[in-house]
Amino acid sequence: MSGMKDRRCDRSEMRQEAVSKQLAYIAKETDFDALVVSTSGGLKVGEMESRYESDELAALGGLLWEMRNQIDRFVNIKNIAGNTFVLENGSRYVCRFFEYRGEMLVLVGVTTHSDIDEEPVQRTITGVKRILDSNPYGFPGQEDP
């Protein structure tokens, strides 16, 4: 329970920093080596500090979103919520799509563990949405008042 208290004390009013703190908290709780949130166009919304290039992971998120749309168009598979790709070295690139105010966002994570627990992934998405709701302006696709 003290972990929850610590996380809630370590907040930021700056949206991108708050998203980064959320991602870092979840990564520490799970076994993700990197977590990035991007728009469907590959623009970075938030990142955690890691050895991975966050801009490249964000761009990968946009590419995976486009790939998902191509699969839907050609094979007519609806409701693809995400993908997981396994590299030869055992690294897994985990991708989950979610909507925020009409904009599709992509959560991209990197881990070496084969068991991916969806509960913290969904908590991450819920937390990111909550943070963005606290100040949606300046978010791609949203106009300042």
N, C-alpha and C. Protein backbone atom coordinates (compact mmCIF):
# COMPACT_ATOMS: atom_id res chain seq x y z
N MET A 1 0.82 -1.19 0.00
CA MET A 1 0.00 0.00 0.00
C MET A 1 0.87 1.26 0.00
N SER A 2 2.06 1.18 0.60
CA SER A 2 2.92 2.37 0.64
C SER A 2 3.39 2.77 -0.75
N GLY A 3 3.51 1.79 -1.70
CA GLY A 3 3.87 2.11 -3.08
C GLY A 3 2.85 3.02 -3.73
N MET A 4 1.58 2.77 -3.45
CA MET A 4 0.51 3.59 -4.00
C MET A 4 0.61 5.01 -3.43
N LYS A 5 0.88 5.13 -2.15
CA LYS A 5 0.99 6.44 -1.53
C LYS A 5 2.16 7.22 -2.14
N ASP A 6 3.31 6.55 -2.32
CA ASP A 6 4.47 7.21 -2.90
C ASP A 6 4.17 7.73 -4.30
N ARG A 7 3.50 6.91 -5.12
CA ARG A 7 3.18 7.31 -6.49
C ARG A 7 2.28 8.53 -6.47
N ARG A 8 1.31 8.53 -5.60
CA ARG A 8 0.36 9.65 -5.56
C ARG A 8 1.00 10.93 -5.03
N CYS A 9 2.08 10.82 -4.29
CA CYS A 9 2.78 12.01 -3.83
C CYS A 9 3.71 12.56 -4.91
N ASP A 10 4.15 11.71 -5.80
CA ASP A 10 5.09 12.10 -6.85
C ASP A 10 4.32 12.40 -8.13
N ARG A 11 3.70 13.58 -8.17
CA ARG A 11 2.88 13.98 -9.31
C ARG A 11 3.45 15.23 -9.95
N SER A 12 2.91 15.54 -11.10
CA SER A 12 3.30 16.76 -11.79
C SER A 12 2.07 17.39 -12.41
N GLU A 13 2.02 18.71 -12.43
CA GLU A 13 0.94 19.43 -13.09
C GLU A 13 1.17 19.48 -14.60
N MET A 14 2.41 19.26 -15.02
CA MET A 14 2.73 19.27 -16.45
C MET A 14 2.33 17.92 -17.04
N ARG A 15 1.46 17.96 -18.03
CA ARG A 15 0.85 16.75 -18.56
C ARG A 15 1.88 15.73 -19.04
N GLN A 16 2.84 16.14 -19.86
CA GLN A 16 3.80 15.17 -20.41
C GLN A 16 4.64 14.56 -19.29
N GLU A 17 5.02 15.36 -18.32
CA GLU A 17 5.79 14.84 -17.19
C GLU A 17 4.94 13.88 -16.34
N ALA A 18 3.66 14.21 -16.17
CA ALA A 18 2.77 13.34 -15.41
C ALA A 18 2.59 11.99 -16.11
N VAL A 19 2.45 12.01 -17.44
CA VAL A 19 2.35 10.76 -18.19
C VAL A 19 3.63 9.96 -18.03
N SER A 20 4.78 10.64 -18.10
CA SER A 20 6.07 9.96 -17.94
C SER A 20 6.18 9.30 -16.57
N LYS A 21 5.72 9.99 -15.54
CA LYS A 21 5.76 9.42 -14.19
C LYS A 21 4.85 8.20 -14.09
N GLN A 22 3.69 8.27 -14.72
CA GLN A 22 2.77 7.12 -14.73
C GLN A 22 3.42 5.92 -15.40
N LEU A 23 4.05 6.16 -16.55
CA LEU A 23 4.70 5.07 -17.28
C LEU A 23 5.86 4.48 -16.47
N ALA A 24 6.65 5.33 -15.84
CA ALA A 24 7.78 4.85 -15.04
C ALA A 24 7.29 4.03 -13.85
N TYR A 25 6.21 4.46 -13.24
CA TYR A 25 5.66 3.73 -12.09
C TYR A 25 5.22 2.33 -12.51
N ILE A 26 4.49 2.24 -13.62
CA ILE A 26 4.01 0.94 -14.09
C ILE A 26 5.20 0.06 -14.51
N ALA A 27 6.19 0.65 -15.16
CA ALA A 27 7.37 -0.13 -15.58
C ALA A 27 8.09 -0.71 -14.38
N LYS A 28 8.18 0.09 -13.31
CA LYS A 28 8.84 -0.39 -12.09
C LYS A 28 8.04 -1.52 -11.45
N GLU A 29 6.73 -1.42 -11.51
CA GLU A 29 5.84 -2.42 -10.93
C GLU A 29 5.82 -3.71 -11.76
N THR A 30 6.01 -3.58 -13.05
CA THR A 30 6.00 -4.73 -13.96
C THR A 30 7.43 -4.96 -14.46
N ASP A 31 7.57 -5.63 -15.56
CA ASP A 31 8.90 -5.88 -16.09
C ASP A 31 9.10 -5.24 -17.46
N PHE A 32 8.50 -4.08 -17.66
CA PHE A 32 8.71 -3.37 -18.91
C PHE A 32 10.01 -2.57 -18.83
N ASP A 33 10.82 -2.68 -19.88
CA ASP A 33 12.07 -1.92 -19.96
C ASP A 33 11.84 -0.55 -20.56
N ALA A 34 10.75 -0.39 -21.29
CA ALA A 34 10.40 0.89 -21.91
C ALA A 34 8.90 0.95 -22.10
N LEU A 35 8.32 2.13 -21.95
CA LEU A 35 6.91 2.39 -22.23
C LEU A 35 6.81 3.77 -22.86
N VAL A 36 6.05 3.86 -23.94
CA VAL A 36 5.84 5.12 -24.65
C VAL A 36 4.39 5.18 -25.07
N VAL A 37 3.80 6.36 -25.01
CA VAL A 37 2.47 6.60 -25.56
C VAL A 37 2.64 7.53 -26.74
N SER A 38 2.01 7.16 -27.88
CA SER A 38 2.09 8.01 -29.06
C SER A 38 0.71 8.18 -29.68
N THR A 39 0.61 9.15 -30.57
CA THR A 39 -0.59 9.28 -31.38
C THR A 39 -0.55 8.21 -32.46
N SER A 40 -1.65 8.03 -33.16
CA SER A 40 -1.68 7.06 -34.25
C SER A 40 -0.77 7.50 -35.40
N GLY A 41 -0.40 8.78 -35.41
CA GLY A 41 0.54 9.28 -36.41
C GLY A 41 1.99 9.14 -36.00
N GLY A 42 2.25 8.58 -34.81
CA GLY A 42 3.62 8.36 -34.36
C GLY A 42 4.24 9.50 -33.58
N LEU A 43 3.42 10.49 -33.17
CA LEU A 43 3.96 11.59 -32.35
C LEU A 43 3.92 11.20 -30.88
N LYS A 44 5.01 11.44 -30.18
CA LYS A 44 5.13 11.04 -28.78
C LYS A 44 4.26 11.91 -27.89
N VAL A 45 3.47 11.26 -27.05
CA VAL A 45 2.64 11.94 -26.06
C VAL A 45 3.33 11.88 -24.70
N GLY A 46 3.97 10.77 -24.40
CA GLY A 46 4.68 10.60 -23.13
C GLY A 46 5.62 9.42 -23.22
N GLU A 47 6.62 9.43 -22.37
CA GLU A 47 7.65 8.38 -22.37
C GLU A 47 8.19 8.19 -20.96
N MET A 48 8.76 7.05 -20.73
CA MET A 48 9.54 6.85 -19.52
C MET A 48 11.00 6.84 -19.94
N GLU A 49 11.87 7.21 -19.05
CA GLU A 49 13.30 7.20 -19.37
C GLU A 49 13.76 5.76 -19.46
N SER A 50 14.43 5.44 -20.56
CA SER A 50 14.95 4.08 -20.75
C SER A 50 16.10 4.12 -21.75
N ARG A 51 16.69 2.96 -22.00
CA ARG A 51 17.79 2.88 -22.96
C ARG A 51 17.29 2.83 -24.40
N TYR A 52 15.99 2.73 -24.57
CA TYR A 52 15.39 2.69 -25.90
C TYR A 52 15.09 4.11 -26.39
N GLU A 53 15.16 4.31 -27.69
CA GLU A 53 14.84 5.60 -28.29
C GLU A 53 13.33 5.78 -28.28
N SER A 54 12.84 6.70 -27.46
CA SER A 54 11.40 6.87 -27.34
C SER A 54 10.76 7.39 -28.63
N ASP A 55 11.47 8.22 -29.39
CA ASP A 55 10.91 8.70 -30.66
C ASP A 55 10.72 7.54 -31.64
N GLU A 56 11.64 6.60 -31.63
CA GLU A 56 11.52 5.43 -32.50
C GLU A 56 10.36 4.54 -32.06
N LEU A 57 10.18 4.38 -30.74
CA LEU A 57 9.06 3.58 -30.25
C LEU A 57 7.74 4.27 -30.58
N ALA A 58 7.70 5.60 -30.47
CA ALA A 58 6.49 6.35 -30.82
C ALA A 58 6.18 6.18 -32.30
N ALA A 59 7.20 6.28 -33.14
CA ALA A 59 7.00 6.09 -34.58
C ALA A 59 6.53 4.66 -34.87
N LEU A 60 7.08 3.69 -34.14
CA LEU A 60 6.64 2.31 -34.28
C LEU A 60 5.16 2.20 -33.94
N GLY A 61 4.72 2.90 -32.90
CA GLY A 61 3.30 2.90 -32.54
C GLY A 61 2.43 3.36 -33.70
N GLY A 62 2.84 4.43 -34.38
CA GLY A 62 2.09 4.92 -35.53
C GLY A 62 2.08 3.90 -36.67
N LEU A 63 3.22 3.28 -36.89
CA LEU A 63 3.33 2.26 -37.94
C LEU A 63 2.44 1.06 -37.63
N LEU A 64 2.42 0.64 -36.37
CA LEU A 64 1.58 -0.50 -35.99
C LEU A 64 0.10 -0.16 -36.11
N TRP A 65 -0.26 1.09 -35.83
CA TRP A 65 -1.65 1.51 -36.01
C TRP A 65 -2.03 1.42 -37.49
N GLU A 66 -1.15 1.89 -38.35
CA GLU A 66 -1.42 1.81 -39.79
C GLU A 66 -1.50 0.35 -40.24
N MET A 67 -0.62 -0.50 -39.73
CA MET A 67 -0.65 -1.92 -40.06
C MET A 67 -1.97 -2.54 -39.62
N ARG A 68 -2.43 -2.17 -38.44
CA ARG A 68 -3.71 -2.67 -37.93
C ARG A 68 -4.84 -2.29 -38.89
N ASN A 69 -4.81 -1.05 -39.39
CA ASN A 69 -5.84 -0.60 -40.33
C ASN A 69 -5.77 -1.36 -41.65
N GLN A 70 -4.54 -1.63 -42.11
CA GLN A 70 -4.39 -2.40 -43.35
C GLN A 70 -4.93 -3.82 -43.19
N ILE A 71 -4.66 -4.44 -42.06
CA ILE A 71 -5.18 -5.78 -41.79
C ILE A 71 -6.70 -5.75 -41.81
N ASP A 72 -7.27 -4.74 -41.17
CA ASP A 72 -8.72 -4.60 -41.12
C ASP A 72 -9.30 -4.45 -42.53
N ARG A 73 -8.64 -3.64 -43.37
CA ARG A 73 -9.12 -3.41 -44.74
C ARG A 73 -9.04 -4.66 -45.61
N PHE A 74 -7.93 -5.38 -45.51
CA PHE A 74 -7.71 -6.51 -46.41
C PHE A 74 -8.30 -7.83 -45.92
N VAL A 75 -8.35 -8.02 -44.63
CA VAL A 75 -8.80 -9.31 -44.09
C VAL A 75 -10.12 -9.15 -43.34
N ASN A 76 -10.52 -7.91 -43.11
CA ASN A 76 -11.77 -7.60 -42.41
C ASN A 76 -11.81 -8.18 -41.00
N ILE A 77 -10.71 -8.03 -40.29
CA ILE A 77 -10.65 -8.41 -38.87
C ILE A 77 -10.90 -7.15 -38.07
N LYS A 78 -11.98 -7.12 -37.32
CA LYS A 78 -12.36 -5.94 -36.56
C LYS A 78 -11.83 -6.02 -35.12
N ASN A 79 -11.74 -4.86 -34.50
CA ASN A 79 -11.44 -4.76 -33.07
C ASN A 79 -10.09 -5.33 -32.67
N ILE A 80 -9.07 -5.12 -33.47
CA ILE A 80 -7.72 -5.51 -33.06
C ILE A 80 -7.29 -4.51 -32.00
N ALA A 81 -7.10 -4.99 -30.79
CA ALA A 81 -6.78 -4.10 -29.66
C ALA A 81 -5.29 -3.89 -29.51
N GLY A 82 -4.47 -4.71 -30.14
CA GLY A 82 -3.03 -4.56 -30.01
C GLY A 82 -2.30 -5.72 -30.65
N ASN A 83 -0.98 -5.64 -30.56
CA ASN A 83 -0.11 -6.66 -31.12
C ASN A 83 1.02 -6.90 -30.12
N THR A 84 1.61 -8.08 -30.20
CA THR A 84 2.85 -8.36 -29.49
C THR A 84 3.78 -9.04 -30.48
N PHE A 85 4.97 -8.48 -30.64
CA PHE A 85 5.96 -9.03 -31.55
C PHE A 85 7.13 -9.55 -30.73
N VAL A 86 7.60 -10.73 -31.07
CA VAL A 86 8.72 -11.34 -30.36
C VAL A 86 9.92 -11.33 -31.31
N LEU A 87 11.02 -10.74 -30.85
CA LEU A 87 12.25 -10.72 -31.64
C LEU A 87 13.07 -11.97 -31.36
N GLU A 88 14.05 -12.24 -32.20
CA GLU A 88 14.89 -13.43 -32.03
C GLU A 88 15.61 -13.43 -30.69
N ASN A 89 15.95 -12.25 -30.15
CA ASN A 89 16.66 -12.19 -28.87
C ASN A 89 15.73 -12.36 -27.67
N GLY A 90 14.43 -12.56 -27.93
CA GLY A 90 13.48 -12.77 -26.84
C GLY A 90 12.76 -11.52 -26.39
N SER A 91 13.18 -10.36 -26.87
CA SER A 91 12.49 -9.11 -26.53
C SER A 91 11.10 -9.12 -27.13
N ARG A 92 10.16 -8.57 -26.39
CA ARG A 92 8.79 -8.46 -26.86
C ARG A 92 8.41 -6.99 -26.96
N TYR A 93 7.86 -6.63 -28.10
CA TYR A 93 7.31 -5.30 -28.30
C TYR A 93 5.80 -5.43 -28.18
N VAL A 94 5.26 -4.83 -27.15
CA VAL A 94 3.84 -4.93 -26.84
C VAL A 94 3.18 -3.63 -27.24
N CYS A 95 2.11 -3.72 -27.97
CA CYS A 95 1.42 -2.55 -28.49
C CYS A 95 -0.07 -2.67 -28.18
N ARG A 96 -0.64 -1.61 -27.60
CA ARG A 96 -2.08 -1.58 -27.34
C ARG A 96 -2.64 -0.26 -27.85
N PHE A 97 -3.78 -0.34 -28.54
CA PHE A 97 -4.44 0.83 -29.11
C PHE A 97 -5.58 1.25 -28.19
N PHE A 98 -5.77 2.56 -28.04
CA PHE A 98 -6.90 3.05 -27.26
C PHE A 98 -7.29 4.44 -27.76
N GLU A 99 -8.54 4.77 -27.52
CA GLU A 99 -9.07 6.04 -28.00
C GLU A 99 -9.12 7.06 -26.87
N TYR A 100 -8.78 8.29 -27.20
CA TYR A 100 -8.92 9.39 -26.25
C TYR A 100 -9.47 10.59 -27.01
N ARG A 101 -10.67 11.02 -26.66
CA ARG A 101 -11.32 12.18 -27.27
C ARG A 101 -11.30 12.14 -28.80
N GLY A 102 -11.60 10.98 -29.35
CA GLY A 102 -11.66 10.82 -30.79
C GLY A 102 -10.33 10.59 -31.48
N GLU A 103 -9.24 10.63 -30.74
CA GLU A 103 -7.90 10.40 -31.28
C GLU A 103 -7.44 9.02 -30.85
N MET A 104 -6.88 8.26 -31.78
CA MET A 104 -6.33 6.95 -31.42
C MET A 104 -4.93 7.15 -30.87
N LEU A 105 -4.67 6.52 -29.74
CA LEU A 105 -3.35 6.54 -29.12
C LEU A 105 -2.82 5.11 -29.08
N VAL A 106 -1.51 5.02 -28.94
CA VAL A 106 -0.85 3.73 -28.94
C VAL A 106 0.10 3.66 -27.74
N LEU A 107 -0.02 2.61 -26.96
CA LEU A 107 0.92 2.33 -25.88
C LEU A 107 1.87 1.27 -26.40
N VAL A 108 3.16 1.59 -26.41
CA VAL A 108 4.18 0.65 -26.87
C VAL A 108 5.10 0.37 -25.70
N GLY A 109 5.31 -0.90 -25.42
CA GLY A 109 6.20 -1.31 -24.35
C GLY A 109 7.19 -2.35 -24.83
N VAL A 110 8.32 -2.41 -24.15
CA VAL A 110 9.35 -3.41 -24.46
C VAL A 110 9.62 -4.19 -23.19
N THR A 111 9.62 -5.52 -23.32
CA THR A 111 9.91 -6.40 -22.19
C THR A 111 10.58 -7.66 -22.70
N THR A 112 11.23 -8.37 -21.80
CA THR A 112 11.81 -9.67 -22.16
C THR A 112 11.00 -10.81 -21.58
N HIS A 113 9.94 -10.49 -20.86
CA HIS A 113 9.14 -11.53 -20.21
C HIS A 113 8.02 -12.01 -21.13
N SER A 114 7.79 -13.32 -21.10
CA SER A 114 6.80 -13.90 -22.01
C SER A 114 5.37 -13.74 -21.50
N ASP A 115 5.20 -13.68 -20.19
CA ASP A 115 3.85 -13.49 -19.64
C ASP A 115 3.57 -12.01 -19.49
N ILE A 116 2.65 -11.52 -20.29
CA ILE A 116 2.28 -10.11 -20.25
C ILE A 116 0.96 -10.02 -19.50
N ASP A 117 1.00 -9.41 -18.34
CA ASP A 117 -0.21 -9.24 -17.53
C ASP A 117 -0.96 -8.02 -18.07
N GLU A 118 -2.17 -8.24 -18.55
CA GLU A 118 -2.96 -7.15 -19.15
C GLU A 118 -3.48 -6.17 -18.11
N GLU A 119 -3.59 -6.57 -16.86
CA GLU A 119 -4.14 -5.67 -15.84
C GLU A 119 -3.31 -4.39 -15.70
N PRO A 120 -1.98 -4.46 -15.52
CA PRO A 120 -1.22 -3.21 -15.43
C PRO A 120 -1.20 -2.43 -16.75
N VAL A 121 -1.30 -3.13 -17.87
CA VAL A 121 -1.35 -2.45 -19.16
C VAL A 121 -2.63 -1.62 -19.23
N GLN A 122 -3.75 -2.21 -18.84
CA GLN A 122 -5.02 -1.48 -18.85
C GLN A 122 -5.02 -0.35 -17.82
N ARG A 123 -4.38 -0.57 -16.67
CA ARG A 123 -4.26 0.49 -15.66
C ARG A 123 -3.45 1.66 -16.19
N THR A 124 -2.43 1.35 -16.98
CA THR A 124 -1.60 2.39 -17.59
C THR A 124 -2.47 3.24 -18.53
N ILE A 125 -3.25 2.58 -19.36
CA ILE A 125 -4.12 3.29 -20.29
C ILE A 125 -5.12 4.17 -19.54
N THR A 126 -5.72 3.62 -18.49
CA THR A 126 -6.68 4.39 -17.68
C THR A 126 -5.99 5.59 -17.04
N GLY A 127 -4.78 5.39 -16.53
CA GLY A 127 -4.04 6.49 -15.91
C GLY A 127 -3.67 7.57 -16.90
N VAL A 128 -3.25 7.17 -18.10
CA VAL A 128 -2.90 8.15 -19.14
C VAL A 128 -4.13 8.97 -19.50
N LYS A 129 -5.27 8.33 -19.68
CA LYS A 129 -6.49 9.06 -20.01
C LYS A 129 -6.85 10.04 -18.89
N ARG A 130 -6.71 9.62 -17.64
CA ARG A 130 -7.03 10.48 -16.51
C ARG A 130 -6.12 11.71 -16.51
N ILE A 131 -4.84 11.50 -16.77
CA ILE A 131 -3.89 12.60 -16.81
C ILE A 131 -4.22 13.56 -17.95
N LEU A 132 -4.51 13.02 -19.12
CA LEU A 132 -4.85 13.87 -20.26
C LEU A 132 -6.15 14.63 -20.01
N ASP A 133 -7.10 14.00 -19.32
CA ASP A 133 -8.35 14.69 -18.99
C ASP A 133 -8.14 15.87 -18.06
N SER A 134 -7.09 15.81 -17.25
CA SER A 134 -6.84 16.91 -16.31
C SER A 134 -6.41 18.17 -17.05
N ASN A 135 -5.91 18.04 -18.27
CA ASN A 135 -5.54 19.19 -19.09
C ASN A 135 -5.41 18.73 -20.54
N PRO A 136 -6.54 18.64 -21.27
CA PRO A 136 -6.50 18.10 -22.62
C PRO A 136 -5.95 19.07 -23.66
N TYR A 137 -5.83 20.34 -23.33
CA TYR A 137 -5.42 21.32 -24.33
C TYR A 137 -3.94 21.19 -24.64
N GLY A 138 -3.64 21.35 -25.90
CA GLY A 138 -2.28 21.17 -26.36
C GLY A 138 -2.03 19.76 -26.83
N PHE A 139 -2.98 18.86 -26.51
CA PHE A 139 -2.90 17.50 -27.00
C PHE A 139 -3.19 17.53 -28.49
N PRO A 140 -2.48 16.75 -29.30
CA PRO A 140 -2.75 16.76 -30.74
C PRO A 140 -4.24 16.56 -31.02
N GLY A 141 -4.80 17.44 -31.84
CA GLY A 141 -6.21 17.37 -32.20
C GLY A 141 -7.11 18.16 -31.28
N GLN A 142 -6.59 18.73 -30.21
CA GLN A 142 -7.39 19.52 -29.28
C GLN A 142 -7.00 20.99 -29.36
N GLU A 143 -7.97 21.85 -29.41
CA GLU A 143 -7.69 23.29 -29.50
C GLU A 143 -7.69 23.90 -28.11
N ASP A 144 -6.84 24.92 -27.93
CA ASP A 144 -6.85 25.68 -26.68
C ASP A 144 -8.14 26.48 -26.61
N PRO A 145 -8.65 26.72 -25.38
CA PRO A 145 -9.90 27.48 -25.25
C PRO A 145 -9.71 28.93 -25.66
